[in-house]
Amino acid sequence: MEQRIDVAEARELLEENLPTWELREDQLYRRFSTANWRVTLMTTSAIGFLAEAAYHHPRMVLNYRSVEIYLTTHDAGGLTQKDFDLALKIEQTVSWPRRDRDAPDVRPKEWLRS
């Protein structure tokens, strides 16, 4: 079984590695704002692929222009390193590329907003 991470350590890990994520009731939380439903579905599919590859499945809430992610390790009864690892992979994948200089010239104008 994975070792639980206490709240103080979780806050430190978030500050160091995942400043766009937050703690909500012993879970990691992130809301991605999207341009439209198509981007919401693509974002959800990307996160689903990463979660399945990690065999660690978040709760996802889909809305027309957003995807909300909640991560916790149920077997451990709270947060573990698995949650932070998957959150980092989600952040790196979904948020890339964020700067215009990193974006391909053919990138659609409608994309993520957060």
Protein backbone atom coordinates (compact mmCIF):
# COMPACT_ATOMS: atom_id res chain seq x y z
CA MET A 1 0.00 0.00 0.00
CA GLU A 2 1.13 3.51 -0.79
CA GLN A 3 2.24 5.71 2.09
CA ARG A 4 -0.06 8.67 2.83
CA ILE A 5 1.21 12.21 2.50
CA ASP A 6 0.14 14.58 5.29
CA VAL A 7 -1.38 18.00 4.63
CA ALA A 8 1.79 19.98 5.36
CA GLU A 9 3.86 17.88 2.96
CA ALA A 10 1.07 18.02 0.36
CA ARG A 11 1.03 21.82 0.49
CA GLU A 12 4.79 21.91 0.08
CA LEU A 13 4.66 19.56 -2.92
CA LEU A 14 1.93 21.66 -4.53
CA GLU A 15 3.86 24.88 -4.02
CA GLU A 16 7.04 23.37 -5.49
CA ASN A 17 5.63 21.38 -8.38
CA LEU A 18 1.95 22.08 -9.00
CA PRO A 19 1.10 25.72 -8.19
CA THR A 20 -2.05 25.62 -10.34
CA TRP A 21 -3.49 22.74 -8.28
CA GLU A 22 -5.03 23.00 -4.81
CA LEU A 23 -6.02 20.83 -1.87
CA ARG A 24 -9.72 20.16 -1.42
CA GLU A 25 -10.83 17.78 1.33
CA ASP A 26 -7.76 15.53 1.17
CA GLN A 27 -7.76 15.54 -2.63
CA LEU A 28 -5.76 17.30 -5.32
CA TYR A 29 -8.00 19.53 -7.41
CA ARG A 30 -7.57 21.35 -10.71
CA ARG A 31 -10.04 23.02 -13.04
CA PHE A 32 -9.10 23.43 -16.69
CA SER A 33 -11.17 26.02 -18.56
CA THR A 34 -11.64 25.16 -22.22
CA ALA A 35 -12.80 27.01 -25.31
CA ASN A 36 -15.75 24.73 -26.05
CA TRP A 37 -17.22 21.25 -25.74
CA ARG A 38 -14.83 19.73 -28.34
CA VAL A 39 -11.80 20.87 -26.36
CA THR A 40 -13.43 19.64 -23.15
CA LEU A 41 -13.79 16.17 -24.68
CA MET A 42 -10.22 16.14 -26.05
CA THR A 43 -8.88 17.23 -22.66
CA THR A 44 -10.90 14.54 -20.91
CA SER A 45 -9.66 11.88 -23.32
CA ALA A 46 -6.03 12.90 -22.77
CA ILE A 47 -6.45 12.76 -18.99
CA GLY A 48 -8.26 9.44 -19.27
CA PHE A 49 -5.39 7.98 -21.28
CA LEU A 50 -2.83 9.11 -18.70
CA ALA A 51 -4.96 7.80 -15.83
CA GLU A 52 -5.39 4.40 -17.46
CA ALA A 53 -1.66 4.18 -18.20
CA ALA A 54 -0.94 4.92 -14.52
CA TYR A 55 -3.80 2.65 -13.36
CA HIS A 56 -4.88 5.50 -11.13
CA HIS A 57 -8.26 6.98 -11.90
CA PRO A 58 -9.37 10.49 -10.92
CA ARG A 59 -12.87 11.78 -10.51
CA MET A 60 -13.60 14.07 -13.44
CA VAL A 61 -16.43 16.56 -13.75
CA LEU A 62 -17.16 17.74 -17.28
CA ASN A 63 -18.96 20.90 -18.20
CA TYR A 64 -19.38 22.63 -21.54
CA ARG A 65 -16.23 24.73 -21.05
CA SER A 66 -14.30 23.03 -18.27
CA VAL A 67 -12.88 19.83 -16.86
CA GLU A 68 -12.42 19.43 -13.11
CA ILE A 69 -10.01 16.82 -11.75
CA TYR A 70 -10.01 15.33 -8.23
CA LEU A 71 -7.19 12.96 -7.26
CA THR A 72 -6.84 10.84 -4.15
CA THR A 73 -5.69 7.31 -3.38
CA HIS A 74 -8.72 5.54 -1.97
CA ASP A 75 -6.77 2.47 -0.78
CA ALA A 76 -4.55 4.70 1.35
CA GLY A 77 -7.40 6.87 2.57
CA GLY A 78 -5.85 10.09 1.30
CA LEU A 79 -3.08 11.56 -0.83
CA THR A 80 -0.04 9.58 -1.90
CA GLN A 81 2.84 10.12 -4.30
CA LYS A 82 0.70 8.45 -7.00
CA ASP A 83 -1.64 11.44 -6.90
CA PHE A 84 1.15 13.96 -7.30
CA ASP A 85 2.80 11.96 -10.07
CA LEU A 86 -0.41 11.75 -12.07
CA ALA A 87 -1.27 15.41 -11.42
CA LEU A 88 2.15 16.46 -12.73
CA LYS A 89 1.76 14.31 -15.85
CA ILE A 90 -1.73 15.76 -16.45
CA GLU A 91 -0.42 19.30 -16.01
CA GLN A 92 2.50 18.74 -18.37
CA THR A 93 0.33 17.13 -21.03
CA VAL A 94 -2.84 19.21 -20.94
CA SER A 95 -1.12 22.56 -20.45
CA TRP A 96 1.46 22.06 -23.21
CA PRO A 97 2.12 24.25 -25.17
CA ARG A 98 1.10 27.30 -23.19
CA ARG A 99 3.29 29.95 -24.79
CA ASP A 100 2.85 31.14 -28.35
CA ARG A 101 6.51 30.51 -29.15
CA ASP A 102 6.05 26.82 -28.23
CA ALA A 103 2.82 26.42 -30.20
CA PRO A 104 2.79 25.13 -33.76
CA ASP A 105 1.90 27.69 -36.43
CA VAL A 106 -1.27 25.77 -37.26
CA ARG A 107 -2.58 25.62 -33.68
CA PRO A 108 -6.30 26.42 -33.53
CA LYS A 109 -7.23 29.66 -31.81
CA GLU A 110 -9.78 27.86 -29.65
CA TRP A 111 -7.96 25.95 -26.94
CA LEU A 112 -7.47 25.89 -23.22
CA ARG A 113 -8.08 29.09 -21.33
CA SER A 114 -6.40 28.27 -18.02
